[in-house]
PDB file of N, CA and C in Angstrom:
ATOM      1  N   MET A   1     -64.885   7.112   9.061  1.00  0.00           N
ATOM      2  CA  MET A   1     -64.324   8.395   9.448  1.00  0.00           C
ATOM      3  C   MET A   1     -64.184   8.410  10.968  1.00  0.00           C
ATOM      4  N   HIS A   2     -62.999   8.102  11.468  1.00  0.00           N
ATOM      5  CA  HIS A   2     -62.788   8.051  12.908  1.00  0.00           C
ATOM      6  C   HIS A   2     -62.682   9.434  13.534  1.00  0.00           C
ATOM      7  N   GLU A   3     -62.584  10.470  12.726  1.00  0.00           N
ATOM      8  CA  GLU A   3     -62.511  11.832  13.239  1.00  0.00           C
ATOM      9  C   GLU A   3     -63.786  12.204  13.995  1.00  0.00           C
ATOM     10  N   MET A   4     -64.926  11.645  13.573  1.00  0.00           N
ATOM     11  CA  MET A   4     -66.192  11.922  14.259  1.00  0.00           C
ATOM     12  C   MET A   4     -66.140  11.396  15.689  1.00  0.00           C
ATOM     13  N   SER A   5     -65.665  10.167  15.877  1.00  0.00           N
ATOM     14  CA  SER A   5     -65.578   9.618  17.234  1.00  0.00           C
ATOM     15  C   SER A   5     -64.517  10.347  18.055  1.00  0.00           C
ATOM     16  N   LEU A   6     -63.457  10.806  17.411  1.00  0.00           N
ATOM     17  CA  LEU A   6     -62.457  11.613  18.128  1.00  0.00           C
ATOM     18  C   LEU A   6     -63.088  12.905  18.647  1.00  0.00           C
ATOM     19  N   CYS A   7     -63.866  13.550  17.807  1.00  0.00           N
ATOM     20  CA  CYS A   7     -64.523  14.796  18.214  1.00  0.00           C
ATOM     21  C   CYS A   7     -65.557  14.552  19.309  1.00  0.00           C
ATOM     22  N   GLU A   8     -66.256  13.439  19.235  1.00  0.00           N
ATOM     23  CA  GLU A   8     -67.202  13.103  20.301  1.00  0.00           C
ATOM     24  C   GLU A   8     -66.475  12.952  21.634  1.00  0.00           C
ATOM     25  N   SER A   9     -65.316  12.332  21.608  1.00  0.00           N
ATOM     26  CA  SER A   9     -64.520  12.182  22.831  1.00  0.00           C
ATOM     27  C   SER A   9     -64.012  13.530  23.332  1.00  0.00           C
ATOM     28  N   ILE A  10     -63.582  14.377  22.417  1.00  0.00           N
ATOM     29  CA  ILE A  10     -63.107  15.710  22.794  1.00  0.00           C
ATOM     30  C   ILE A  10     -64.218  16.501  23.463  1.00  0.00           C
ATOM     31  N   ILE A  11     -65.403  16.493  22.878  1.00  0.00           N
ATOM     32  CA  ILE A  11     -66.525  17.244  23.441  1.00  0.00           C
ATOM     33  C   ILE A  11     -66.955  16.651  24.772  1.00  0.00           C
ATOM     34  N   SER A  12     -66.860  15.355  24.913  1.00  0.00           N
ATOM     35  CA  SER A  12     -67.160  14.722  26.200  1.00  0.00           C
ATOM     36  C   SER A  12     -66.229  15.257  27.287  1.00  0.00           C
ATOM     37  N   VAL A  13     -64.954  15.353  26.983  1.00  0.00           N
ATOM     38  CA  VAL A  13     -63.975  15.900  27.938  1.00  0.00           C
ATOM     39  C   VAL A  13     -64.283  17.368  28.234  1.00  0.00           C
ATOM     40  N   VAL A  14     -64.593  18.133  27.204  1.00  0.00           N
ATOM     41  CA  VAL A  14     -64.896  19.555  27.373  1.00  0.00           C
ATOM     42  C   VAL A  14     -66.120  19.729  28.265  1.00  0.00           C
ATOM     43  N   GLU A  15     -67.160  18.935  28.051  1.00  0.00           N
ATOM     44  CA  GLU A  15     -68.371  19.048  28.865  1.00  0.00           C
ATOM     45  C   GLU A  15     -68.120  18.614  30.312  1.00  0.00           C
ATOM     46  N   GLN A  16     -67.282  17.603  30.506  1.00  0.00           N
ATOM     47  CA  GLN A  16     -66.906  17.210  31.876  1.00  0.00           C
ATOM     48  C   GLN A  16     -66.193  18.358  32.577  1.00  0.00           C
ATOM     49  N   GLN A  17     -65.282  19.019  31.865  1.00  0.00           N
ATOM     50  CA  GLN A  17     -64.553  20.149  32.445  1.00  0.00           C
ATOM     51  C   GLN A  17     -65.486  21.330  32.722  1.00  0.00           C
ATOM     52  N   ALA A  18     -66.496  21.506  31.876  1.00  0.00           N
ATOM     53  CA  ALA A  18     -67.468  22.580  32.098  1.00  0.00           C
ATOM     54  C   ALA A  18     -68.206  22.358  33.420  1.00  0.00           C
ATOM     55  N   LYS A  19     -68.589  21.128  33.684  1.00  0.00           N
ATOM     56  CA  LYS A  19     -69.278  20.816  34.947  1.00  0.00           C
ATOM     57  C   LYS A  19     -68.338  20.989  36.135  1.00  0.00           C
ATOM     58  N   LEU A  20     -67.112  20.500  36.009  1.00  0.00           N
ATOM     59  CA  LEU A  20     -66.156  20.575  37.117  1.00  0.00           C
ATOM     60  C   LEU A  20     -65.726  22.008  37.432  1.00  0.00           C
ATOM     61  N   ASN A  21     -65.624  22.834  36.409  1.00  0.00           N
ATOM     62  CA  ASN A  21     -65.079  24.184  36.572  1.00  0.00           C
ATOM     63  C   ASN A  21     -66.116  25.293  36.412  1.00  0.00           C
ATOM     64  N   ASN A  22     -67.384  24.920  36.332  1.00  0.00           N
ATOM     65  CA  ASN A  22     -68.501  25.866  36.306  1.00  0.00           C
ATOM     66  C   ASN A  22     -68.414  26.916  35.202  1.00  0.00           C
ATOM     67  N   PHE A  23     -68.172  26.460  33.983  1.00  0.00           N
ATOM     68  CA  PHE A  23     -68.290  27.385  32.861  1.00  0.00           C
ATOM     69  C   PHE A  23     -69.403  26.877  31.949  1.00  0.00           C
ATOM     70  N   THR A  24     -70.008  27.812  31.219  1.00  0.00           N
ATOM     71  CA  THR A  24     -71.182  27.461  30.414  1.00  0.00           C
ATOM     72  C   THR A  24     -70.956  27.568  28.918  1.00  0.00           C
ATOM     73  N   GLU A  25     -69.891  28.241  28.539  1.00  0.00           N
ATOM     74  CA  GLU A  25     -69.653  28.441  27.112  1.00  0.00           C
ATOM     75  C   GLU A  25     -68.166  28.291  26.798  1.00  0.00           C
ATOM     76  N   VAL A  26     -67.891  27.583  25.717  1.00  0.00           N
ATOM     77  CA  VAL A  26     -66.527  27.446  25.232  1.00  0.00           C
ATOM     78  C   VAL A  26     -66.402  28.312  23.990  1.00  0.00           C
ATOM     79  N   LYS A  27     -65.431  29.216  24.006  1.00  0.00           N
ATOM     80  CA  LYS A  27     -65.232  30.109  22.872  1.00  0.00           C
ATOM     81  C   LYS A  27     -64.219  29.558  21.874  1.00  0.00           C
ATOM     82  N   MET A  28     -63.246  28.771  22.403  1.00  0.00           N
ATOM     83  CA  MET A  28     -62.197  28.252  21.538  1.00  0.00           C
ATOM     84  C   MET A  28     -61.662  26.948  22.111  1.00  0.00           C
ATOM     85  N   VAL A  29     -61.434  25.990  21.216  1.00  0.00           N
ATOM     86  CA  VAL A  29     -60.782  24.731  21.568  1.00  0.00           C
ATOM     87  C   VAL A  29     -59.518  24.643  20.723  1.00  0.00           C
ATOM     88  N   CYS A  30     -58.396  24.485  21.388  1.00  0.00           N
ATOM     89  CA  CYS A  30     -57.121  24.368  20.698  1.00  0.00           C
ATOM     90  C   CYS A  30     -56.625  22.931  20.859  1.00  0.00           C
ATOM     91  N   LEU A  31     -56.406  22.267  19.738  1.00  0.00           N
ATOM     92  CA  LEU A  31     -55.925  20.888  19.744  1.00  0.00           C
ATOM     93  C   LEU A  31     -54.493  20.844  19.230  1.00  0.00           C
ATOM     94  N   GLU A  32     -53.721  19.948  19.797  1.00  0.00           N
ATOM     95  CA  GLU A  32     -52.385  19.666  19.295  1.00  0.00           C
ATOM     96  C   GLU A  32     -52.469  18.307  18.603  1.00  0.00           C
ATOM     97  N   VAL A  33     -52.186  18.284  17.312  1.00  0.00           N
ATOM     98  CA  VAL A  33     -52.335  17.077  16.509  1.00  0.00           C
ATOM     99  C   VAL A  33     -51.005  16.741  15.856  1.00  0.00           C
ATOM    100  N   GLY A  34     -50.504  15.564  16.148  1.00  0.00           N
ATOM    101  CA  GLY A  34     -49.221  15.133  15.615  1.00  0.00           C
ATOM    102  C   GLY A  34     -49.301  14.691  14.164  1.00  0.00           C
ATOM    103  N   GLN A  35     -48.195  14.846  13.488  1.00  0.00           N
ATOM    104  CA  GLN A  35     -48.071  14.487  12.073  1.00  0.00           C
ATOM    105  C   GLN A  35     -48.384  13.010  11.831  1.00  0.00           C
ATOM    106  N   PHE A  36     -48.081  12.151  12.793  1.00  0.00           N
ATOM    107  CA  PHE A  36     -48.320  10.712  12.649  1.00  0.00           C
ATOM    108  C   PHE A  36     -49.606  10.247  13.332  1.00  0.00           C
ATOM    109  N   SER A  37     -50.482  11.164  13.711  1.00  0.00           N
ATOM    110  CA  SER A  37     -51.693  10.792  14.450  1.00  0.00           C
ATOM    111  C   SER A  37     -52.720  10.063  13.585  1.00  0.00           C
ATOM    112  N   GLY A  38     -52.605  10.196  12.280  1.00  0.00           N
ATOM    113  CA  GLY A  38     -53.570   9.554  11.395  1.00  0.00           C
ATOM    114  C   GLY A  38     -54.870  10.328  11.261  1.00  0.00           C
ATOM    115  N   VAL A  39     -54.862  11.581  11.665  1.00  0.00           N
ATOM    116  CA  VAL A  39     -56.057  12.418  11.624  1.00  0.00           C
ATOM    117  C   VAL A  39     -56.071  13.237  10.344  1.00  0.00           C
ATOM    118  N   GLU A  40     -57.180  13.201   9.650  1.00  0.00           N
ATOM    119  CA  GLU A  40     -57.397  14.029   8.464  1.00  0.00           C
ATOM    120  C   GLU A  40     -57.976  15.360   8.954  1.00  0.00           C
ATOM    121  N   MET A  41     -57.245  16.447   8.759  1.00  0.00           N
ATOM    122  CA  MET A  41     -57.600  17.741   9.347  1.00  0.00           C
ATOM    123  C   MET A  41     -58.958  18.266   8.886  1.00  0.00           C
ATOM    124  N   GLU A  42     -59.255  18.167   7.602  1.00  0.00           N
ATOM    125  CA  GLU A  42     -60.546  18.671   7.116  1.00  0.00           C
ATOM    126  C   GLU A  42     -61.703  17.847   7.685  1.00  0.00           C
ATOM    127  N   ALA A  43     -61.520  16.547   7.794  1.00  0.00           N
ATOM    128  CA  ALA A  43     -62.552  15.692   8.393  1.00  0.00           C
ATOM    129  C   ALA A  43     -62.720  16.028   9.876  1.00  0.00           C
ATOM    130  N   LEU A  44     -61.626  16.368  10.553  1.00  0.00           N
ATOM    131  CA  LEU A  44     -61.692  16.752  11.963  1.00  0.00           C
ATOM    132  C   LEU A  44     -62.475  18.050  12.118  1.00  0.00           C
ATOM    133  N   ARG A  45     -62.205  19.021  11.265  1.00  0.00           N
ATOM    134  CA  ARG A  45     -62.928  20.302  11.325  1.00  0.00           C
ATOM    135  C   ARG A  45     -64.427  20.109  11.059  1.00  0.00           C
ATOM    136  N   PHE A  46     -64.744  19.324  10.044  1.00  0.00           N
ATOM    137  CA  PHE A  46     -66.151  19.050   9.723  1.00  0.00           C
ATOM    138  C   PHE A  46     -66.838  18.348  10.889  1.00  0.00           C
ATOM    139  N   SER A  47     -66.180  17.340  11.435  1.00  0.00           N
ATOM    140  CA  SER A  47     -66.751  16.566  12.545  1.00  0.00           C
ATOM    141  C   SER A  47     -66.944  17.441  13.780  1.00  0.00           C
ATOM    142  N   PHE A  48     -65.984  18.312  14.041  1.00  0.00           N
ATOM    143  CA  PHE A  48     -66.091  19.217  15.188  1.00  0.00           C
ATOM    144  C   PHE A  48     -67.336  20.084  15.062  1.00  0.00           C
ATOM    145  N   ASP A  49     -67.570  20.635  13.875  1.00  0.00           N
ATOM    146  CA  ASP A  49     -68.762  21.466  13.651  1.00  0.00           C
ATOM    147  C   ASP A  49     -70.048  20.680  13.884  1.00  0.00           C
ATOM    148  N   CYS A  50     -70.068  19.434  13.475  1.00  0.00           N
ATOM    149  CA  CYS A  50     -71.259  18.593  13.647  1.00  0.00           C
ATOM    150  C   CYS A  50     -71.483  18.218  15.106  1.00  0.00           C
ATOM    151  N   VAL A  51     -70.433  17.793  15.770  1.00  0.00           N
ATOM    152  CA  VAL A  51     -70.534  17.256  17.128  1.00  0.00           C
ATOM    153  C   VAL A  51     -70.804  18.337  18.167  1.00  0.00           C
ATOM    154  N   THR A  52     -70.377  19.561  17.917  1.00  0.00           N
ATOM    155  CA  THR A  52     -70.553  20.620  18.918  1.00  0.00           C
ATOM    156  C   THR A  52     -71.969  21.192  18.959  1.00  0.00           C
ATOM    157  N   ARG A  53     -72.790  20.887  17.983  1.00  0.00           N
ATOM    158  CA  ARG A  53     -74.160  21.422  17.959  1.00  0.00           C
ATOM    159  C   ARG A  53     -74.914  20.980  19.216  1.00  0.00           C
ATOM    160  N   GLY A  54     -75.501  21.964  19.885  1.00  0.00           N
ATOM    161  CA  GLY A  54     -76.282  21.676  21.084  1.00  0.00           C
ATOM    162  C   GLY A  54     -75.435  21.479  22.342  1.00  0.00           C
ATOM    163  N   THR A  55     -74.149  21.774  22.267  1.00  0.00           N
ATOM    164  CA  THR A  55     -73.265  21.625  23.427  1.00  0.00           C
ATOM    165  C   THR A  55     -72.760  22.997  23.869  1.00  0.00           C
ATOM    166  N   CYS A  56     -72.007  23.018  24.956  1.00  0.00           N
ATOM    167  CA  CYS A  56     -71.429  24.281  25.434  1.00  0.00           C
ATOM    168  C   CYS A  56     -70.363  24.811  24.484  1.00  0.00           C
ATOM    169  N   ALA A  57     -69.955  24.014  23.514  1.00  0.00           N
ATOM    170  CA  ALA A  57     -68.935  24.418  22.539  1.00  0.00           C
ATOM    171  C   ALA A  57     -69.538  24.680  21.157  1.00  0.00           C
ATOM    172  N   GLU A  58     -70.840  24.899  21.112  1.00  0.00           N
ATOM    173  CA  GLU A  58     -71.529  25.034  19.827  1.00  0.00           C
ATOM    174  C   GLU A  58     -70.940  26.124  18.935  1.00  0.00           C
ATOM    175  N   ASN A  59     -70.561  27.237  19.489  1.00  0.00           N
ATOM    176  CA  ASN A  59     -70.017  28.340  18.689  1.00  0.00           C
ATOM    177  C   ASN A  59     -68.511  28.470  18.823  1.00  0.00           C
ATOM    178  N   ALA A  60     -67.881  27.452  19.327  1.00  0.00           N
ATOM    179  CA  ALA A  60     -66.441  27.519  19.583  1.00  0.00           C
ATOM    180  C   ALA A  60     -65.635  27.484  18.290  1.00  0.00           C
ATOM    181  N   GLU A  61     -64.555  28.240  18.316  1.00  0.00           N
ATOM    182  CA  GLU A  61     -63.581  28.202  17.231  1.00  0.00           C
ATOM    183  C   GLU A  61     -62.656  27.012  17.483  1.00  0.00           C
ATOM    184  N   LEU A  62     -62.304  26.300  16.435  1.00  0.00           N
ATOM    185  CA  LEU A  62     -61.365  25.188  16.543  1.00  0.00           C
ATOM    186  C   LEU A  62     -60.021  25.633  15.994  1.00  0.00           C
ATOM    187  N   LYS A  63     -59.007  25.586  16.845  1.00  0.00           N
ATOM    188  CA  LYS A  63     -57.642  25.874  16.416  1.00  0.00           C
ATOM    189  C   LYS A  63     -56.864  24.567  16.479  1.00  0.00           C
ATOM    190  N   ILE A  64     -56.093  24.325  15.454  1.00  0.00           N
ATOM    191  CA  ILE A  64     -55.298  23.097  15.399  1.00  0.00           C
ATOM    192  C   ILE A  64     -53.823  23.467  15.249  1.00  0.00           C
ATOM    193  N   ILE A  65     -53.020  22.939  16.145  1.00  0.00           N
ATOM    194  CA  ILE A  65     -51.572  23.093  16.064  1.00  0.00           C
ATOM    195  C   ILE A  65     -51.025  21.747  15.605  1.00  0.00           C
ATOM    196  N   GLU A  66     -50.439  21.719  14.426  1.00  0.00           N
ATOM    197  CA  GLU A  66     -49.858  20.478  13.912  1.00  0.00           C
ATOM    198  C   GLU A  66     -48.418  20.373  14.404  1.00  0.00           C
ATOM    199  N   THR A  67     -48.112  19.246  15.062  1.00  0.00           N
ATOM    200  CA  THR A  67     -46.766  19.060  15.597  1.00  0.00           C
ATOM    201  C   THR A  67     -45.966  18.125  14.704  1.00  0.00           C
ATOM    202  N   GLU A  68     -44.681  18.402  14.623  1.00  0.00           N
ATOM    203  CA  GLU A  68     -43.781  17.578  13.817  1.00  0.00           C
ATOM    204  C   GLU A  68     -43.497  16.264  14.534  1.00  0.00           C
ATOM    205  N   ALA A  69     -43.146  15.276  13.745  1.00  0.00           N
ATOM    206  CA  ALA A  69     -42.799  13.974  14.306  1.00  0.00           C
ATOM    207  C   ALA A  69     -41.332  13.942  14.696  1.00  0.00           C
ATOM    208  N   GLN A  70     -41.061  13.248  15.793  1.00  0.00           N
ATOM    209  CA  GLN A  70     -39.693  13.065  16.262  1.00  0.00           C
ATOM    210  C   GLN A  70     -39.470  11.590  16.545  1.00  0.00           C
ATOM    211  N   ALA A  71     -38.224  11.207  16.486  1.00  0.00           N
ATOM    212  CA  ALA A  71     -37.856   9.835  16.813  1.00  0.00           C
ATOM    213  C   ALA A  71     -36.519   9.841  17.535  1.00  0.00           C
ATOM    214  N   TRP A  72     -36.328   8.818  18.349  1.00  0.00           N
ATOM    215  CA  TRP A  72     -35.062   8.646  19.052  1.00  0.00           C
ATOM    216  C   TRP A  72     -34.284   7.563  18.324  1.00  0.00           C
ATOM    217  N   CYS A  73     -33.049   7.874  17.972  1.00  0.00           N
ATOM    218  CA  CYS A  73     -32.199   6.938  17.245  1.00  0.00           C
ATOM    219  C   CYS A  73     -31.406   6.112  18.250  1.00  0.00           C
ATOM    220  N   LEU A  74     -31.572   4.795  18.200  1.00  0.00           N
ATOM    221  CA  LEU A  74     -30.874   3.916  19.130  1.00  0.00           C
ATOM    222  C   LEU A  74     -29.355   3.958  18.950  1.00  0.00           C
ATOM    223  N   PRO A  75     -28.812   3.823  17.729  1.00  0.00           N
ATOM    224  CA  PRO A  75     -27.347   3.808  17.582  1.00  0.00           C
ATOM    225  C   PRO A  75     -26.647   5.111  17.971  1.00  0.00           C
ATOM    226  N   CYS A  76     -27.184   6.269  17.568  1.00  0.00           N
ATOM    227  CA  CYS A  76     -26.474   7.518  17.849  1.00  0.00           C
ATOM    228  C   CYS A  76     -27.057   8.289  19.039  1.00  0.00           C
ATOM    229  N   ALA A  77     -28.153   7.785  19.597  1.00  0.00           N
ATOM    230  CA  ALA A  77     -28.779   8.360  20.802  1.00  0.00           C
ATOM    231  C   ALA A  77     -29.195   9.821  20.636  1.00  0.00           C
ATOM    232  N   ASN A  78     -29.616  10.184  19.439  1.00  0.00           N
ATOM    233  CA  ASN A  78     -30.108  11.537  19.176  1.00  0.00           C
ATOM    234  C   ASN A  78     -31.612  11.516  18.944  1.00  0.00           C
ATOM    235  N   THR A  79     -32.278  12.587  19.337  1.00  0.00           N
ATOM    236  CA  THR A  79     -33.670  12.795  18.975  1.00  0.00           C
ATOM    237  C   THR A  79     -33.660  13.591  17.685  1.00  0.00           C
ATOM    238  N   VAL A  80     -34.334  13.057  16.656  1.00  0.00           N
ATOM    239  CA  VAL A  80     -34.295  13.671  15.328  1.00  0.00           C
ATOM    240  C   VAL A  80     -35.708  13.894  14.796  1.00  0.00           C
ATOM    241  N   ARG A  81     -35.832  14.844  13.898  1.00  0.00           N
ATOM    242  CA  ARG A  81     -37.104  15.093  13.226  1.00  0.00           C
ATOM    243  C   ARG A  81     -37.224  14.130  12.059  1.00  0.00           C
ATOM    244  N   VAL A  82     -38.415  13.540  11.895  1.00  0.00           N
ATOM    245  CA  VAL A  82     -38.672  12.635  10.780  1.00  0.00           C
ATOM    246  C   VAL A  82     -39.963  13.059  10.092  1.00  0.00           C
ATOM    247  N   THR A  83     -40.080  12.710   8.837  1.00  0.00           N
ATOM    248  CA  THR A  83     -41.300  13.045   8.102  1.00  0.00           C
ATOM    249  C   THR A  83     -42.135  11.811   7.770  1.00  0.00           C
ATOM    250  N   HIS A  84     -41.506  10.643   7.826  1.00  0.00           N
ATOM    251  CA  HIS A  84     -42.201   9.382   7.592  1.00  0.00           C
ATOM    252  C   HIS A  84     -41.773   8.386   8.661  1.00  0.00           C
ATOM    253  N   ARG A  85     -42.646   7.469   8.985  1.00  0.00           N
ATOM    254  CA  ARG A  85     -42.362   6.508  10.060  1.00  0.00           C
ATOM    255  C   ARG A  85     -41.090   5.697   9.838  1.00  0.00           C
ATOM    256  N   TYR A  86     -40.755   5.393   8.620  1.00  0.00           N
ATOM    257  CA  TYR A  86     -39.615   4.516   8.368  1.00  0.00           C
ATOM    258  C   TYR A  86     -38.428   5.249   7.755  1.00  0.00           C
ATOM    259  N   ASP A  87     -38.324   6.531   8.051  1.00  0.00           N
ATOM    260  CA  ASP A  87     -37.165   7.302   7.607  1.00  0.00           C
ATOM    261  C   ASP A  87     -35.895   6.797   8.289  1.00  0.00           C
ATOM    262  N   ALA A  88     -34.784   7.044   7.637  1.00  0.00           N
ATOM    263  CA  ALA A  88     -33.481   6.788   8.265  1.00  0.00           C
ATOM    264  C   ALA A  88     -33.121   7.991   9.133  1.00  0.00           C
ATOM    265  N   CYS A  89     -32.285   7.755  10.109  1.00  0.00           N
ATOM    266  CA  CYS A  89     -31.792   8.834  10.955  1.00  0.00           C
ATOM    267  C   CYS A  89     -31.000   9.813  10.083  1.00  0.00           C
ATOM    268  N   PRO A  90     -31.333  11.107  10.126  1.00  0.00           N
ATOM    269  CA  PRO A  90     -30.604  12.066   9.305  1.00  0.00           C
ATOM    270  C   PRO A  90     -29.168  12.301   9.792  1.00  0.00           C
ATOM    271  N   LYS A  91     -28.846  11.833  10.982  1.00  0.00           N
ATOM    272  CA  LYS A  91     -27.486  12.039  11.516  1.00  0.00           C
ATOM    273  C   LYS A  91     -26.565  10.863  11.225  1.00  0.00           C
ATOM    274  N   CYS A  92     -27.087   9.613  11.380  1.00  0.00           N
ATOM    275  CA  CYS A  92     -26.189   8.460  11.219  1.00  0.00           C
ATOM    276  C   CYS A  92     -26.652   7.467  10.150  1.00  0.00           C
ATOM    277  N   GLY A  93     -27.869   7.648   9.616  1.00  0.00           N
ATOM    278  CA  GLY A  93     -28.362   6.767   8.562  1.00  0.00           C
ATOM    279  C   GLY A  93     -29.034   5.489   9.054  1.00  0.00           C
ATOM    280  N   SER A  94     -29.070   5.263  10.346  1.00  0.00           N
ATOM    281  CA  SER A  94     -29.680   4.053  10.901  1.00  0.00           C
ATOM    282  C   SER A  94     -31.207   4.074  10.722  1.00  0.00           C
ATOM    283  N   HIS A  95     -31.784   2.889  10.649  1.00  0.00           N
ATOM    284  CA  HIS A  95     -33.240   2.765  10.593  1.00  0.00           C
ATOM    285  C   HIS A  95     -33.792   2.290  11.930  1.00  0.00           C
ATOM    286  N   GLN A  96     -32.962   2.280  12.954  1.00  0.00           N
ATOM    287  CA  GLN A  96     -33.403   1.860  14.285  1.00  0.00           C
ATOM    288  C   GLN A  96     -33.908   3.077  15.067  1.00  0.00           C
ATOM    289  N   LEU A  97     -35.068   3.565  14.633  1.00  0.00           N
ATOM    290  CA  LEU A  97     -35.665   4.743  15.247  1.00  0.00           C
ATOM    291  C   LEU A  97     -36.922   4.355  16.011  1.00  0.00           C
ATOM    292  N   GLN A  98     -37.110   5.018  17.129  1.00  0.00           N
ATOM    293  CA  GLN A  98     -38.317   4.832  17.922  1.00  0.00           C
ATOM    294  C   GLN A  98     -39.052   6.166  17.955  1.00  0.00           C
ATOM    295  N   VAL A  99     -40.276   6.195  17.440  1.00  0.00           N
ATOM    296  CA  VAL A  99     -41.054   7.426  17.410  1.00  0.00           C
ATOM    297  C   VAL A  99     -41.253   7.911  18.843  1.00  0.00           C
ATOM    298  N   SER A 100     -40.920   9.176  19.079  1.00  0.00           N
ATOM    299  CA  SER A 100     -41.055   9.743  20.418  1.00  0.00           C
ATOM    300  C   SER A 100     -41.977  10.963  20.453  1.00  0.00           C
ATOM    301  N   GLY A 101     -42.517  11.341  19.327  1.00  0.00           N
ATOM    302  CA  GLY A 101     -43.436  12.470  19.269  1.00  0.00           C
ATOM    303  C   GLY A 101     -44.020  12.615  17.887  1.00  0.00           C
ATOM    304  N   GLY A 102     -45.208  13.195  17.848  1.00  0.00           N
ATOM    305  CA  GLY A 102     -45.866  13.413  16.565  1.00  0.00           C
ATOM    306  C   GLY A 102     -47.032  12.482  16.321  1.00  0.00           C
ATOM    307  N   ASP A 103     -47.332  11.605  17.292  1.00  0.00           N
ATOM    308  CA  ASP A 103     -48.471  10.712  17.127  1.00  0.00           C
ATOM    309  C   ASP A 103     -49.603  11.053  18.104  1.00  0.00           C
ATOM    310  N   GLU A 104     -49.525  12.241  18.718  1.00  0.00           N
ATOM    311  CA  GLU A 104     -50.494  12.624  19.729  1.00  0.00           C
ATOM    312  C   GLU A 104     -51.667  13.417  19.161  1.00  0.00           C
ATOM    313  N   LEU A 105     -52.743  13.394  19.914  1.00  0.00           N
ATOM    314  CA  LEU A 105     -53.883  14.273  19.694  1.00  0.00           C
ATOM    315  C   LEU A 105     -54.355  14.651  21.085  1.00  0.00           C
ATOM    316  N   LYS A 106     -54.208  15.936  21.437  1.00  0.00           N
ATOM    317  CA  LYS A 106     -54.596  16.337  22.785  1.00  0.00           C
ATOM    318  C   LYS A 106     -55.184  17.728  22.789  1.00  0.00           C
ATOM    319  N   ILE A 107     -56.008  17.945  23.789  1.00  0.00           N
ATOM    320  CA  ILE A 107     -56.577  19.276  24.001  1.00  0.00           C
ATOM    321  C   ILE A 107     -55.491  20.104  24.657  1.00  0.00           C
ATOM    322  N   LYS A 108     -55.067  21.132  23.979  1.00  0.00           N
ATOM    323  CA  LYS A 108     -53.975  21.978  24.460  1.00  0.00           C
ATOM    324  C   LYS A 108     -54.511  23.122  25.309  1.00  0.00           C
ATOM    325  N   GLU A 109     -55.658  23.693  24.888  1.00  0.00           N
ATOM    326  CA  GLU A 109     -56.154  24.888  25.539  1.00  0.00           C
ATOM    327  C   GLU A 109     -57.645  25.051  25.284  1.00  0.00           C
ATOM    328  N   LEU A 110     -58.347  25.616  26.253  1.00  0.00           N
ATOM    329  CA  LEU A 110     -59.751  25.999  26.102  1.00  0.00           C
ATOM    330  C   LEU A 110     -59.894  27.456  26.491  1.00  0.00           C
ATOM    331  N   GLU A 111     -60.693  28.185  25.735  1.00  0.00           N
ATOM    332  CA  GLU A 111     -61.067  29.533  26.131  1.00  0.00           C
ATOM    333  C   GLU A 111     -62.543  29.486  26.461  1.00  0.00           C
ATOM    334  N   VAL A 112     -62.907  29.879  27.674  1.00  0.00           N
ATOM    335  CA  VAL A 112     -64.270  29.685  28.155  1.00  0.00           C
ATOM    336  C   VAL A 112     -64.859  30.970  28.741  1.00  0.00           C
ATOM    337  N   ASN A 113     -66.163  30.939  28.925  1.00  0.00           N
ATOM    338  CA  ASN A 113     -66.900  31.997  29.639  1.00  0.00           C
ATOM    339  C   ASN A 113     -67.499  31.385  30.873  1.00  0.00           C
TER     340      ASN A 113
END
């Protein structure tokens, strides 16, 4: 379950920011998670609850924004929405697509005290 190590990294970043910005409590962590990130959402939520115990984010709410995947089509030069990595371009039918979004996992926002 790699979601546990992802959450450990997230909390590490949050605690570093707490020291740098002098806050003691995190009320909410908002993550942006791409459709192609390979993250299982329920495992991420469970891991977040486990990893935050004893930290400044112990009682924090976890909000997850799931982002759609996008790809750039080489032949028609359009950015298109895709649902699977090997989809054809919905505009020209080509399979020469380069994923340009939807594989990210990032901290979008923190609400702190």
